Amino acid sequence: MLENYLPVMVLIGIAFAFAIGSVVMSRLIGQKKPSAVKLAPYECGMPLLSSVQERFSIKFYIVAMLFILFDIEAVFLYPWAIMFKRLGIFGFIEMGVFIVILLVGFIYVWKKGALEWEE
């Protein structure tokens, strides 16, 4: 059984060896001529407009987490839709409960104002 995975293990080993070898060889052979221009942070070819330590509003992170949460919850609808006929009424009721819980959470977040950008 293990011999079936041997080609995959060899390929993974070669990939790691190539990646590590490339980094090591670049470090050993590559030119090291630092300058102010090379050491400056790259911002799409534009000079920096503000401090790099700029603080983001917590609302940005909350909206991002909520997006991920509701996006992952929506992924659970796909397997249910595929197995809808086999699950019968029990599966329909279970998914209805799931959607109601998801809807209650969304309404709660909306009422708390977590989705509002302006104050």
PDB file of N, CA and C in Angstrom:
ATOM      1  N   MET A   1       0.828  -1.199   0.000  1.00  0.00           N
ATOM      2  CA  MET A   1       0.000   0.000   0.000  1.00  0.00           C
ATOM      3  C   MET A   1       0.870   1.260   0.000  1.00  0.00           C
ATOM      4  N   LEU A   2       1.929   1.226   0.783  1.00  0.00           N
ATOM      5  CA  LEU A   2       2.804   2.399   0.879  1.00  0.00           C
ATOM      6  C   LEU A   2       3.521   2.673  -0.436  1.00  0.00           C
ATOM      7  N   GLU A   3       3.772   1.629  -1.220  1.00  0.00           N
ATOM      8  CA  GLU A   3       4.470   1.813  -2.488  1.00  0.00           C
ATOM      9  C   GLU A   3       3.638   2.596  -3.498  1.00  0.00           C
ATOM     10  N   ASN A   4       2.313   2.646  -3.308  1.00  0.00           N
ATOM     11  CA  ASN A   4       1.468   3.447  -4.190  1.00  0.00           C
ATOM     12  C   ASN A   4       1.701   4.941  -3.981  1.00  0.00           C
ATOM     13  N   TYR A   5       2.086   5.325  -2.772  1.00  0.00           N
ATOM     14  CA  TYR A   5       2.315   6.729  -2.451  1.00  0.00           C
ATOM     15  C   TYR A   5       3.756   7.171  -2.666  1.00  0.00           C
ATOM     16  N   LEU A   6       4.639   6.230  -2.990  1.00  0.00           N
ATOM     17  CA  LEU A   6       6.050   6.560  -3.170  1.00  0.00           C
ATOM     18  C   LEU A   6       6.287   7.621  -4.243  1.00  0.00           C
ATOM     19  N   PRO A   7       5.664   7.559  -5.432  1.00  0.00           N
ATOM     20  CA  PRO A   7       5.886   8.621  -6.427  1.00  0.00           C
ATOM     21  C   PRO A   7       5.449   9.999  -5.936  1.00  0.00           C
ATOM     22  N   VAL A   8       4.376  10.044  -5.171  1.00  0.00           N
ATOM     23  CA  VAL A   8       3.900  11.330  -4.638  1.00  0.00           C
ATOM     24  C   VAL A   8       4.906  11.864  -3.627  1.00  0.00           C
ATOM     25  N   MET A   9       5.407  10.993  -2.762  1.00  0.00           N
ATOM     26  CA  MET A   9       6.391  11.416  -1.768  1.00  0.00           C
ATOM     27  C   MET A   9       7.677  11.901  -2.444  1.00  0.00           C
ATOM     28  N   VAL A  10       8.092  11.213  -3.499  1.00  0.00           N
ATOM     29  CA  VAL A  10       9.294  11.637  -4.236  1.00  0.00           C
ATOM     30  C   VAL A  10       9.070  13.007  -4.859  1.00  0.00           C
ATOM     31  N   LEU A  11       7.904  13.228  -5.454  1.00  0.00           N
ATOM     32  CA  LEU A  11       7.600  14.523  -6.059  1.00  0.00           C
ATOM     33  C   LEU A  11       7.584  15.637  -5.011  1.00  0.00           C
ATOM     34  N   ILE A  12       6.981  15.375  -3.851  1.00  0.00           N
ATOM     35  CA  ILE A  12       6.967  16.373  -2.776  1.00  0.00           C
ATOM     36  C   ILE A  12       8.390  16.655  -2.301  1.00  0.00           C
ATOM     37  N   GLY A  13       9.211  15.614  -2.176  1.00  0.00           N
ATOM     38  CA  GLY A  13      10.603  15.803  -1.771  1.00  0.00           C
ATOM     39  C   GLY A  13      11.386  16.638  -2.774  1.00  0.00           C
ATOM     40  N   ILE A  14      11.187  16.368  -4.064  1.00  0.00           N
ATOM     41  CA  ILE A  14      11.862  17.145  -5.107  1.00  0.00           C
ATOM     42  C   ILE A  14      11.405  18.602  -5.066  1.00  0.00           C
ATOM     43  N   ALA A  15      10.110  18.828  -4.861  1.00  0.00           N
ATOM     44  CA  ALA A  15       9.593  20.201  -4.812  1.00  0.00           C
ATOM     45  C   ALA A  15      10.193  20.963  -3.641  1.00  0.00           C
ATOM     46  N   PHE A  16      10.244  20.340  -2.466  1.00  0.00           N
ATOM     47  CA  PHE A  16      10.845  21.008  -1.302  1.00  0.00           C
ATOM     48  C   PHE A  16      12.331  21.259  -1.512  1.00  0.00           C
ATOM     49  N   ALA A  17      13.035  20.270  -2.062  1.00  0.00           N
ATOM     50  CA  ALA A  17      14.470  20.441  -2.312  1.00  0.00           C
ATOM     51  C   ALA A  17      14.720  21.573  -3.296  1.00  0.00           C
ATOM     52  N   PHE A  18      13.896  21.663  -4.342  1.00  0.00           N
ATOM     53  CA  PHE A  18      14.061  22.742  -5.313  1.00  0.00           C
ATOM     54  C   PHE A  18      13.790  24.099  -4.676  1.00  0.00           C
ATOM     55  N   ALA A  19      12.718  24.197  -3.880  1.00  0.00           N
ATOM     56  CA  ALA A  19      12.378  25.480  -3.247  1.00  0.00           C
ATOM     57  C   ALA A  19      13.472  25.918  -2.284  1.00  0.00           C
ATOM     58  N   ILE A  20      13.894  25.020  -1.416  1.00  0.00           N
ATOM     59  CA  ILE A  20      14.931  25.367  -0.442  1.00  0.00           C
ATOM     60  C   ILE A  20      16.255  25.635  -1.153  1.00  0.00           C
ATOM     61  N   GLY A  21      16.575  24.817  -2.158  1.00  0.00           N
ATOM     62  CA  GLY A  21      17.813  25.027  -2.916  1.00  0.00           C
ATOM     63  C   GLY A  21      17.824  26.367  -3.632  1.00  0.00           C
ATOM     64  N   SER A  22      16.710  26.776  -4.198  1.00  0.00           N
ATOM     65  CA  SER A  22      16.632  28.069  -4.882  1.00  0.00           C
ATOM     66  C   SER A  22      16.876  29.223  -3.919  1.00  0.00           C
ATOM     67  N   VAL A  23      16.278  29.154  -2.750  1.00  0.00           N
ATOM     68  CA  VAL A  23      16.453  30.226  -1.765  1.00  0.00           C
ATOM     69  C   VAL A  23      17.895  30.261  -1.270  1.00  0.00           C
ATOM     70  N   VAL A  24      18.464  29.101  -0.971  1.00  0.00           N
ATOM     71  CA  VAL A  24      19.838  29.048  -0.462  1.00  0.00           C
ATOM     72  C   VAL A  24      20.825  29.519  -1.530  1.00  0.00           C
ATOM     73  N   MET A  25      20.665  29.063  -2.758  1.00  0.00           N
ATOM     74  CA  MET A  25      21.582  29.477  -3.827  1.00  0.00           C
ATOM     75  C   MET A  25      21.458  30.969  -4.125  1.00  0.00           C
ATOM     76  N   SER A  26      20.241  31.481  -4.065  1.00  0.00           N
ATOM     77  CA  SER A  26      20.065  32.910  -4.271  1.00  0.00           C
ATOM     78  C   SER A  26      20.757  33.707  -3.175  1.00  0.00           C
ATOM     79  N   ARG A  27      20.671  33.218  -1.956  1.00  0.00           N
ATOM     80  CA  ARG A  27      21.312  33.900  -0.830  1.00  0.00           C
ATOM     81  C   ARG A  27      22.835  33.838  -0.951  1.00  0.00           C
ATOM     82  N   LEU A  28      23.356  32.711  -1.411  1.00  0.00           N
ATOM     83  CA  LEU A  28      24.810  32.549  -1.499  1.00  0.00           C
ATOM     84  C   LEU A  28      25.405  33.240  -2.728  1.00  0.00           C
ATOM     85  N   ILE A  29      24.753  33.114  -3.887  1.00  0.00           N
ATOM     86  CA  ILE A  29      25.326  33.594  -5.138  1.00  0.00           C
ATOM     87  C   ILE A  29      24.845  34.995  -5.502  1.00  0.00           C
ATOM     88  N   GLY A  30      23.658  35.374  -5.081  1.00  0.00           N
ATOM     89  CA  GLY A  30      23.058  36.640  -5.493  1.00  0.00           C
ATOM     90  C   GLY A  30      23.852  37.862  -5.084  1.00  0.00           C
ATOM     91  N   GLN A  31      23.710  38.932  -5.863  1.00  0.00           N
ATOM     92  CA  GLN A  31      24.393  40.181  -5.564  1.00  0.00           C
ATOM     93  C   GLN A  31      23.744  40.865  -4.372  1.00  0.00           C
ATOM     94  N   LYS A  32      24.591  41.490  -3.566  1.00  0.00           N
ATOM     95  CA  LYS A  32      24.100  42.198  -2.393  1.00  0.00           C
ATOM     96  C   LYS A  32      24.547  43.653  -2.473  1.00  0.00           C
ATOM     97  N   LYS A  33      23.745  44.473  -3.153  1.00  0.00           N
ATOM     98  CA  LYS A  33      24.047  45.897  -3.292  1.00  0.00           C
ATOM     99  C   LYS A  33      22.846  46.694  -2.786  1.00  0.00           C
ATOM    100  N   PRO A  34      22.663  46.794  -1.473  1.00  0.00           N
ATOM    101  CA  PRO A  34      21.504  47.533  -0.962  1.00  0.00           C
ATOM    102  C   PRO A  34      21.643  49.036  -1.214  1.00  0.00           C
ATOM    103  N   SER A  35      20.510  49.656  -1.481  1.00  0.00           N
ATOM    104  CA  SER A  35      20.468  51.108  -1.636  1.00  0.00           C
ATOM    105  C   SER A  35      19.162  51.593  -1.017  1.00  0.00           C
ATOM    106  N   ALA A  36      19.031  52.897  -0.898  1.00  0.00           N
ATOM    107  CA  ALA A  36      17.820  53.458  -0.299  1.00  0.00           C
ATOM    108  C   ALA A  36      16.583  53.116  -1.127  1.00  0.00           C
ATOM    109  N   VAL A  37      16.740  53.112  -2.449  1.00  0.00           N
ATOM    110  CA  VAL A  37      15.606  52.811  -3.321  1.00  0.00           C
ATOM    111  C   VAL A  37      15.200  51.338  -3.189  1.00  0.00           C
ATOM    112  N   LYS A  38      16.190  50.444  -3.127  1.00  0.00           N
ATOM    113  CA  LYS A  38      15.879  49.026  -3.016  1.00  0.00           C
ATOM    114  C   LYS A  38      15.269  48.667  -1.660  1.00  0.00           C
ATOM    115  N   LEU A  39      15.664  49.373  -0.610  1.00  0.00           N
ATOM    116  CA  LEU A  39      15.175  49.067   0.725  1.00  0.00           C
ATOM    117  C   LEU A  39      13.852  49.762   1.053  1.00  0.00           C
ATOM    118  N   ALA A  40      13.384  50.643   0.177  1.00  0.00           N
ATOM    119  CA  ALA A  40      12.112  51.336   0.423  1.00  0.00           C
ATOM    120  C   ALA A  40      10.949  50.374   0.183  1.00  0.00           C
ATOM    121  N   PRO A  41       9.878  50.496   0.965  1.00  0.00           N
ATOM    122  CA  PRO A  41       8.714  49.632   0.729  1.00  0.00           C
ATOM    123  C   PRO A  41       8.070  49.945  -0.613  1.00  0.00           C
ATOM    124  N   TYR A  42       7.619  48.917  -1.280  1.00  0.00           N
ATOM    125  CA  TYR A  42       7.039  49.068  -2.614  1.00  0.00           C
ATOM    126  C   TYR A  42       5.526  49.193  -2.505  1.00  0.00           C
ATOM    127  N   GLU A  43       4.991  50.282  -3.017  1.00  0.00           N
ATOM    128  CA  GLU A  43       3.545  50.536  -2.984  1.00  0.00           C
ATOM    129  C   GLU A  43       3.054  50.762  -4.400  1.00  0.00           C
ATOM    130  N   CYS A  44       3.050  49.737  -5.203  1.00  0.00           N
ATOM    131  CA  CYS A  44       2.527  49.797  -6.572  1.00  0.00           C
ATOM    132  C   CYS A  44       3.219  50.881  -7.399  1.00  0.00           C
ATOM    133  N   GLY A  45       4.478  51.126  -7.157  1.00  0.00           N
ATOM    134  CA  GLY A  45       5.216  52.111  -7.921  1.00  0.00           C
ATOM    135  C   GLY A  45       4.987  53.538  -7.456  1.00  0.00           C
ATOM    136  N   MET A  46       4.199  53.728  -6.428  1.00  0.00           N
ATOM    137  CA  MET A  46       3.879  55.071  -5.919  1.00  0.00           C
ATOM    138  C   MET A  46       4.643  55.308  -4.616  1.00  0.00           C
ATOM    139  N   PRO A  47       5.039  56.545  -4.356  1.00  0.00           N
ATOM    140  CA  PRO A  47       5.656  56.839  -3.060  1.00  0.00           C
ATOM    141  C   PRO A  47       4.613  56.720  -1.951  1.00  0.00           C
ATOM    142  N   LEU A  48       5.078  56.417  -0.753  1.00  0.00           N
ATOM    143  CA  LEU A  48       4.165  56.275   0.383  1.00  0.00           C
ATOM    144  C   LEU A  48       3.453  57.595   0.663  1.00  0.00           C
ATOM    145  N   LEU A  49       2.160  57.508   0.917  1.00  0.00           N
ATOM    146  CA  LEU A  49       1.370  58.701   1.212  1.00  0.00           C
ATOM    147  C   LEU A  49       1.191  58.921   2.702  1.00  0.00           C
ATOM    148  N   SER A  50       1.266  57.848   3.477  1.00  0.00           N
ATOM    149  CA  SER A  50       1.082  57.977   4.920  1.00  0.00           C
ATOM    150  C   SER A  50       1.972  56.972   5.625  1.00  0.00           C
ATOM    151  N   SER A  51       1.881  56.968   6.918  1.00  0.00           N
ATOM    152  CA  SER A  51       2.685  56.071   7.729  1.00  0.00           C
ATOM    153  C   SER A  51       2.286  54.618   7.467  1.00  0.00           C
ATOM    154  N   VAL A  52       3.245  53.748   7.569  1.00  0.00           N
ATOM    155  CA  VAL A  52       2.976  52.333   7.388  1.00  0.00           C
ATOM    156  C   VAL A  52       2.180  51.797   8.579  1.00  0.00           C
ATOM    157  N   GLN A  53       2.269  52.451   9.703  1.00  0.00           N
ATOM    158  CA  GLN A  53       1.608  52.011  10.923  1.00  0.00           C
ATOM    159  C   GLN A  53       0.184  52.540  11.039  1.00  0.00           C
ATOM    160  N   GLU A  54      -0.452  52.829   9.917  1.00  0.00           N
ATOM    161  CA  GLU A  54      -1.818  53.361   9.927  1.00  0.00           C
ATOM    162  C   GLU A  54      -2.763  52.338  10.543  1.00  0.00           C
ATOM    163  N   ARG A  55      -3.663  52.810  11.380  1.00  0.00           N
ATOM    164  CA  ARG A  55      -4.606  51.923  12.060  1.00  0.00           C
ATOM    165  C   ARG A  55      -5.894  51.824  11.258  1.00  0.00           C
ATOM    166  N   PHE A  56      -6.415  50.614  11.173  1.00  0.00           N
ATOM    167  CA  PHE A  56      -7.685  50.369  10.511  1.00  0.00           C
ATOM    168  C   PHE A  56      -8.794  50.355  11.550  1.00  0.00           C
ATOM    169  N   SER A  57      -9.962  50.750  11.115  1.00  0.00           N
ATOM    170  CA  SER A  57     -11.122  50.698  11.990  1.00  0.00           C
ATOM    171  C   SER A  57     -11.464  49.251  12.295  1.00  0.00           C
ATOM    172  N   ILE A  58     -11.928  49.002  13.503  1.00  0.00           N
ATOM    173  CA  ILE A  58     -12.318  47.657  13.906  1.00  0.00           C
ATOM    174  C   ILE A  58     -13.492  47.166  13.064  1.00  0.00           C
ATOM    175  N   LYS A  59     -14.268  48.092  12.516  1.00  0.00           N
ATOM    176  CA  LYS A  59     -15.412  47.713  11.677  1.00  0.00           C
ATOM    177  C   LYS A  59     -14.957  46.932  10.449  1.00  0.00           C
ATOM    178  N   PHE A  60     -13.793  47.267   9.933  1.00  0.00           N
ATOM    179  CA  PHE A  60     -13.261  46.539   8.781  1.00  0.00           C
ATOM    180  C   PHE A  60     -13.089  45.067   9.119  1.00  0.00           C
ATOM    181  N   TYR A  61     -12.515  44.771  10.271  1.00  0.00           N
ATOM    182  CA  TYR A  61     -12.283  43.395  10.672  1.00  0.00           C
ATOM    183  C   TYR A  61     -13.589  42.677  11.001  1.00  0.00           C
ATOM    184  N   ILE A  62     -14.521  43.377  11.612  1.00  0.00           N
ATOM    185  CA  ILE A  62     -15.810  42.768  11.944  1.00  0.00           C
ATOM    186  C   ILE A  62     -16.561  42.390  10.668  1.00  0.00           C
ATOM    187  N   VAL A  63     -16.592  43.285   9.702  1.00  0.00           N
ATOM    188  CA  VAL A  63     -17.276  42.978   8.442  1.00  0.00           C
ATOM    189  C   VAL A  63     -16.576  41.823   7.731  1.00  0.00           C
ATOM    190  N   ALA A  64     -15.255  41.784   7.772  1.00  0.00           N
ATOM    191  CA  ALA A  64     -14.517  40.690   7.138  1.00  0.00           C
ATOM    192  C   ALA A  64     -14.845  39.358   7.802  1.00  0.00           C
ATOM    193  N   MET A  65     -14.878  39.336   9.127  1.00  0.00           N
ATOM    194  CA  MET A  65     -15.215  38.093   9.832  1.00  0.00           C
ATOM    195  C   MET A  65     -16.654  37.671   9.555  1.00  0.00           C
ATOM    196  N   LEU A  66     -17.558  38.619   9.511  1.00  0.00           N
ATOM    197  CA  LEU A  66     -18.954  38.285   9.231  1.00  0.00           C
ATOM    198  C   LEU A  66     -19.111  37.765   7.813  1.00  0.00           C
ATOM    199  N   PHE A  67     -18.387  38.355   6.874  1.00  0.00           N
ATOM    200  CA  PHE A  67     -18.435  37.865   5.500  1.00  0.00           C
ATOM    201  C   PHE A  67     -17.981  36.413   5.435  1.00  0.00           C
ATOM    202  N   ILE A  68     -16.865  36.110   6.093  1.00  0.00           N
ATOM    203  CA  ILE A  68     -16.360  34.740   6.090  1.00  0.00           C
ATOM    204  C   ILE A  68     -17.351  33.804   6.767  1.00  0.00           C
ATOM    205  N   LEU A  69     -17.920  34.237   7.892  1.00  0.00           N
ATOM    206  CA  LEU A  69     -18.879  33.405   8.608  1.00  0.00           C
ATOM    207  C   LEU A  69     -20.086  33.070   7.748  1.00  0.00           C
ATOM    208  N   PHE A  70     -20.716  34.076   7.153  1.00  0.00           N
ATOM    209  CA  PHE A  70     -21.909  33.829   6.357  1.00  0.00           C
ATOM    210  C   PHE A  70     -21.568  33.133   5.041  1.00  0.00           C
ATOM    211  N   ASP A  71     -20.380  33.349   4.537  1.00  0.00           N
ATOM    212  CA  ASP A  71     -19.963  32.663   3.320  1.00  0.00           C
ATOM    213  C   ASP A  71     -19.789  31.170   3.589  1.00  0.00           C
ATOM    214  N   ILE A  72     -19.161  30.829   4.691  1.00  0.00           N
ATOM    215  CA  ILE A  72     -18.986  29.422   5.055  1.00  0.00           C
ATOM    216  C   ILE A  72     -20.334  28.780   5.343  1.00  0.00           C
ATOM    217  N   GLU A  73     -21.218  29.506   5.986  1.00  0.00           N
ATOM    218  CA  GLU A  73     -22.546  28.962   6.248  1.00  0.00           C
ATOM    219  C   GLU A  73     -23.283  28.681   4.943  1.00  0.00           C
ATOM    220  N   ALA A  74     -23.105  29.531   3.965  1.00  0.00           N
ATOM    221  CA  ALA A  74     -23.775  29.324   2.675  1.00  0.00           C
ATOM    222  C   ALA A  74     -23.228  28.096   1.955  1.00  0.00           C
ATOM    223  N   VAL A  75     -21.977  27.732   2.217  1.00  0.00           N
ATOM    224  CA  VAL A  75     -21.385  26.552   1.593  1.00  0.00           C
ATOM    225  C   VAL A  75     -22.123  25.288   2.025  1.00  0.00           C
ATOM    226  N   PHE A  76     -22.681  25.289   3.229  1.00  0.00           N
ATOM    227  CA  PHE A  76     -23.418  24.114   3.703  1.00  0.00           C
ATOM    228  C   PHE A  76     -24.717  23.897   2.932  1.00  0.00           C
ATOM    229  N   LEU A  77     -25.173  24.888   2.200  1.00  0.00           N
ATOM    230  CA  LEU A  77     -26.400  24.721   1.421  1.00  0.00           C
ATOM    231  C   LEU A  77     -26.179  23.855   0.173  1.00  0.00           C
ATOM    232  N   TYR A  78     -24.980  23.819  -0.369  1.00  0.00           N
ATOM    233  CA  TYR A  78     -24.724  23.060  -1.590  1.00  0.00           C
ATOM    234  C   TYR A  78     -24.898  21.554  -1.409  1.00  0.00           C
ATOM    235  N   PRO A  79     -24.277  20.929  -0.393  1.00  0.00           N
ATOM    236  CA  PRO A  79     -24.505  19.489  -0.229  1.00  0.00           C
ATOM    237  C   PRO A  79     -25.977  19.164   0.047  1.00  0.00           C
ATOM    238  N   TRP A  80     -26.620  20.036   0.792  1.00  0.00           N
ATOM    239  CA  TRP A  80     -28.039  19.830   1.078  1.00  0.00           C
ATOM    240  C   TRP A  80     -28.854  19.872  -0.216  1.00  0.00           C
ATOM    241  N   ALA A  81     -28.548  20.820  -1.094  1.00  0.00           N
ATOM    242  CA  ALA A  81     -29.283  20.934  -2.347  1.00  0.00           C
ATOM    243  C   ALA A  81     -29.073  19.704  -3.226  1.00  0.00           C
ATOM    244  N   ILE A  82     -27.882  19.140  -3.193  1.00  0.00           N
ATOM    245  CA  ILE A  82     -27.594  17.952  -3.994  1.00  0.00           C
ATOM    246  C   ILE A  82     -28.346  16.738  -3.442  1.00  0.00           C
ATOM    247  N   MET A  83     -28.431  16.619  -2.129  1.00  0.00           N
ATOM    248  CA  MET A  83     -29.067  15.459  -1.495  1.00  0.00           C
ATOM    249  C   MET A  83     -30.516  15.721  -1.097  1.00  0.00           C
ATOM    250  N   PHE A  84     -31.115  16.771  -1.622  1.00  0.00           N
ATOM    251  CA  PHE A  84     -32.444  17.205  -1.177  1.00  0.00           C
ATOM    252  C   PHE A  84     -33.487  16.094  -1.273  1.00  0.00           C
ATOM    253  N   LYS A  85     -33.559  15.405  -2.389  1.00  0.00           N
ATOM    254  CA  LYS A  85     -34.595  14.376  -2.573  1.00  0.00           C
ATOM    255  C   LYS A  85     -34.371  13.171  -1.669  1.00  0.00           C
ATOM    256  N   ARG A  86     -33.130  12.808  -1.430  1.00  0.00           N
ATOM    257  CA  ARG A  86     -32.837  11.655  -0.575  1.00  0.00           C
ATOM    258  C   ARG A  86     -33.106  11.952   0.903  1.00  0.00           C
ATOM    259  N   LEU A  87     -32.918  13.192   1.315  1.00  0.00           N
ATOM    260  CA  LEU A  87     -33.100  13.530   2.733  1.00  0.00           C
ATOM    261  C   LEU A  87     -34.559  13.585   3.132  1.00  0.00           C
ATOM    262  N   GLY A  88     -35.402  13.896   2.200  1.00  0.00           N
ATOM    263  CA  GLY A  88     -36.837  13.921   2.487  1.00  0.00           C
ATOM    264  C   GLY A  88     -37.242  15.077   3.382  1.00  0.00           C
ATOM    265  N   ILE A  89     -38.334  14.881   4.105  1.00  0.00           N
ATOM    266  CA  ILE A  89     -38.892  15.940   4.942  1.00  0.00           C
ATOM    267  C   ILE A  89     -37.981  16.248   6.130  1.00  0.00           C
ATOM    268  N   PHE A  90     -37.292  15.218   6.656  1.00  0.00           N
ATOM    269  CA  PHE A  90     -36.381  15.448   7.774  1.00  0.00           C
ATOM    270  C   PHE A  90     -35.269  16.418   7.378  1.00  0.00           C
ATOM    271  N   GLY A  91     -34.663  16.195   6.212  1.00  0.00           N
ATOM    272  CA  GLY A  91     -33.613  17.095   5.730  1.00  0.00           C
ATOM    273  C   GLY A  91     -34.138  18.487   5.462  1.00  0.00           C
ATOM    274  N   PHE A  92     -35.372  18.576   4.967  1.00  0.00           N
ATOM    275  CA  PHE A  92     -35.971  19.887   4.715  1.00  0.00           C
ATOM    276  C   PHE A  92     -36.169  20.661   6.020  1.00  0.00           C
ATOM    277  N   ILE A  93     -36.654  19.973   7.053  1.00  0.00           N
ATOM    278  CA  ILE A  93     -36.866  20.628   8.356  1.00  0.00           C
ATOM    279  C   ILE A  93     -35.526  21.026   8.975  1.00  0.00           C
ATOM    280  N   GLU A  94     -34.545  20.148   8.910  1.00  0.00           N
ATOM    281  CA  GLU A  94     -33.222  20.470   9.455  1.00  0.00           C
ATOM    282  C   GLU A  94     -32.611  21.691   8.766  1.00  0.00           C
ATOM    283  N   MET A  95     -32.711  21.753   7.451  1.00  0.00           N
ATOM    284  CA  MET A  95     -32.147  22.899   6.736  1.00  0.00           C
ATOM    285  C   MET A  95     -32.969  24.146   7.022  1.00  0.00           C
ATOM    286  N   GLY A  96     -34.265  23.994   7.209  1.00  0.00           N
ATOM    287  CA  GLY A  96     -35.083  25.146   7.594  1.00  0.00           C
ATOM    288  C   GLY A  96     -34.644  25.712   8.935  1.00  0.00           C
ATOM    289  N   VAL A  97     -34.383  24.835   9.901  1.00  0.00           N
ATOM    290  CA  VAL A  97     -33.888  25.284  11.216  1.00  0.00           C
ATOM    291  C   VAL A  97     -32.533  25.972  11.040  1.00  0.00           C
ATOM    292  N   PHE A  98     -31.657  25.392  10.228  1.00  0.00           N
ATOM    293  CA  PHE A  98     -30.344  25.981   9.983  1.00  0.00           C
ATOM    294  C   PHE A  98     -30.472  27.377   9.382  1.00  0.00           C
ATOM    295  N   ILE A  99     -31.337  27.526   8.396  1.00  0.00           N
ATOM    296  CA  ILE A  99     -31.515  28.826   7.745  1.00  0.00           C
ATOM    297  C   ILE A  99     -32.142  29.833   8.707  1.00  0.00           C
ATOM    298  N   VAL A 100     -33.067  29.405   9.548  1.00  0.00           N
ATOM    299  CA  VAL A 100     -33.671  30.312  10.529  1.00  0.00           C
ATOM    300  C   VAL A 100     -32.618  30.791  11.521  1.00  0.00           C
ATOM    301  N   ILE A 101     -31.769  29.889  12.008  1.00  0.00           N
ATOM    302  CA  ILE A 101     -30.694  30.297  12.930  1.00  0.00           C
ATOM    303  C   ILE A 101     -29.755  31.272  12.241  1.00  0.00           C
ATOM    304  N   LEU A 102     -29.420  30.997  10.990  1.00  0.00           N
ATOM    305  CA  LEU A 102     -28.556  31.897  10.223  1.00  0.00           C
ATOM    306  C   LEU A 102     -29.223  33.258  10.036  1.00  0.00           C
ATOM    307  N   LEU A 103     -30.511  33.272   9.760  1.00  0.00           N
ATOM    308  CA  LEU A 103     -31.252  34.516   9.568  1.00  0.00           C
ATOM    309  C   LEU A 103     -31.341  35.314  10.872  1.00  0.00           C
ATOM    310  N   VAL A 104     -31.554  34.624  11.987  1.00  0.00           N
ATOM    311  CA  VAL A 104     -31.596  35.306  13.286  1.00  0.00           C
ATOM    312  C   VAL A 104     -30.238  35.947  13.582  1.00  0.00           C
ATOM    313  N   GLY A 105     -29.149  35.238  13.302  1.00  0.00           N
ATOM    314  CA  GLY A 105     -27.812  35.808  13.501  1.00  0.00           C
ATOM    315  C   GLY A 105     -27.573  37.012  12.615  1.00  0.00           C
ATOM    316  N   PHE A 106     -28.015  36.937  11.373  1.00  0.00           N
ATOM    317  CA  PHE A 106     -27.849  38.063  10.448  1.00  0.00           C
ATOM    318  C   PHE A 106     -28.653  39.277  10.920  1.00  0.00           C
ATOM    319  N   ILE A 107     -29.883  39.062  11.353  1.00  0.00           N
ATOM    320  CA  ILE A 107     -30.716  40.170  11.852  1.00  0.00           C
ATOM    321  C   ILE A 107     -30.099  40.778  13.108  1.00  0.00           C
ATOM    322  N   TYR A 108     -29.566  39.944  13.981  1.00  0.00           N
ATOM    323  CA  TYR A 108     -28.911  40.438  15.199  1.00  0.00           C
ATOM    324  C   TYR A 108     -27.718  41.334  14.841  1.00  0.00           C
ATOM    325  N   VAL A 109     -26.895  40.873  13.916  1.00  0.00           N
ATOM    326  CA  VAL A 109     -25.724  41.651  13.495  1.00  0.00           C
ATOM    327  C   VAL A 109     -26.160  42.950  12.840  1.00  0.00           C
ATOM    328  N   TRP A 110     -27.205  42.884  12.043  1.00  0.00           N
ATOM    329  CA  TRP A 110     -27.711  44.075  11.361  1.00  0.00           C
ATOM    330  C   TRP A 110     -28.240  45.090  12.368  1.00  0.00           C
ATOM    331  N   LYS A 111     -29.010  44.624  13.358  1.00  0.00           N
ATOM    332  CA  LYS A 111     -29.583  45.525  14.374  1.00  0.00           C
ATOM    333  C   LYS A 111     -28.499  46.134  15.255  1.00  0.00           C
ATOM    334  N   LYS A 112     -27.426  45.397  15.506  1.00  0.00           N
ATOM    335  CA  LYS A 112     -26.322  45.924  16.313  1.00  0.00           C
ATOM    336  C   LYS A 112     -25.519  46.976  15.556  1.00  0.00           C
ATOM    337  N   GLY A 113     -25.714  47.062  14.239  1.00  0.00           N
ATOM    338  CA  GLY A 113     -25.021  48.068  13.443  1.00  0.00           C
ATOM    339  C   GLY A 113     -23.628  47.645  13.004  1.00  0.00           C
ATOM    340  N   ALA A 114     -23.334  46.343  13.034  1.00  0.00           N
ATOM    341  CA  ALA A 114     -22.003  45.868  12.663  1.00  0.00           C
ATOM    342  C   ALA A 114     -21.746  46.009  11.177  1.00  0.00           C
ATOM    343  N   LEU A 115     -22.773  46.159  10.378  1.00  0.00           N
ATOM    344  CA  LEU A 115     -22.599  46.279   8.930  1.00  0.00           C
ATOM    345  C   LEU A 115     -22.587  47.732   8.448  1.00  0.00           C
ATOM    346  N   GLU A 116     -22.707  48.663   9.347  1.00  0.00           N
ATOM    347  CA  GLU A 116     -22.725  50.090   9.001  1.00  0.00           C
ATOM    348  C   GLU A 116     -21.305  50.638   8.988  1.00  0.00           C
ATOM    349  N   TRP A 117     -20.925  51.310   7.915  1.00  0.00           N
ATOM    350  CA  TRP A 117     -19.601  51.910   7.825  1.00  0.00           C
ATOM    351  C   TRP A 117     -19.564  53.295   8.437  1.00  0.00           C
ATOM    352  N   GLU A 118     -20.653  54.026   8.331  1.00  0.00           N
ATOM    353  CA  GLU A 118     -20.696  55.388   8.863  1.00  0.00           C
ATOM    354  C   GLU A 118     -21.378  55.399  10.206  1.00  0.00           C
ATOM    355  N   GLU A 119     -20.949  56.319  11.068  1.00  0.00           N
ATOM    356  CA  GLU A 119     -21.555  56.397  12.403  1.00  0.00           C
ATOM    357  C   GLU A 119     -22.628  57.437  12.471  1.00  0.00           C
TER     358      GLU A 119
END
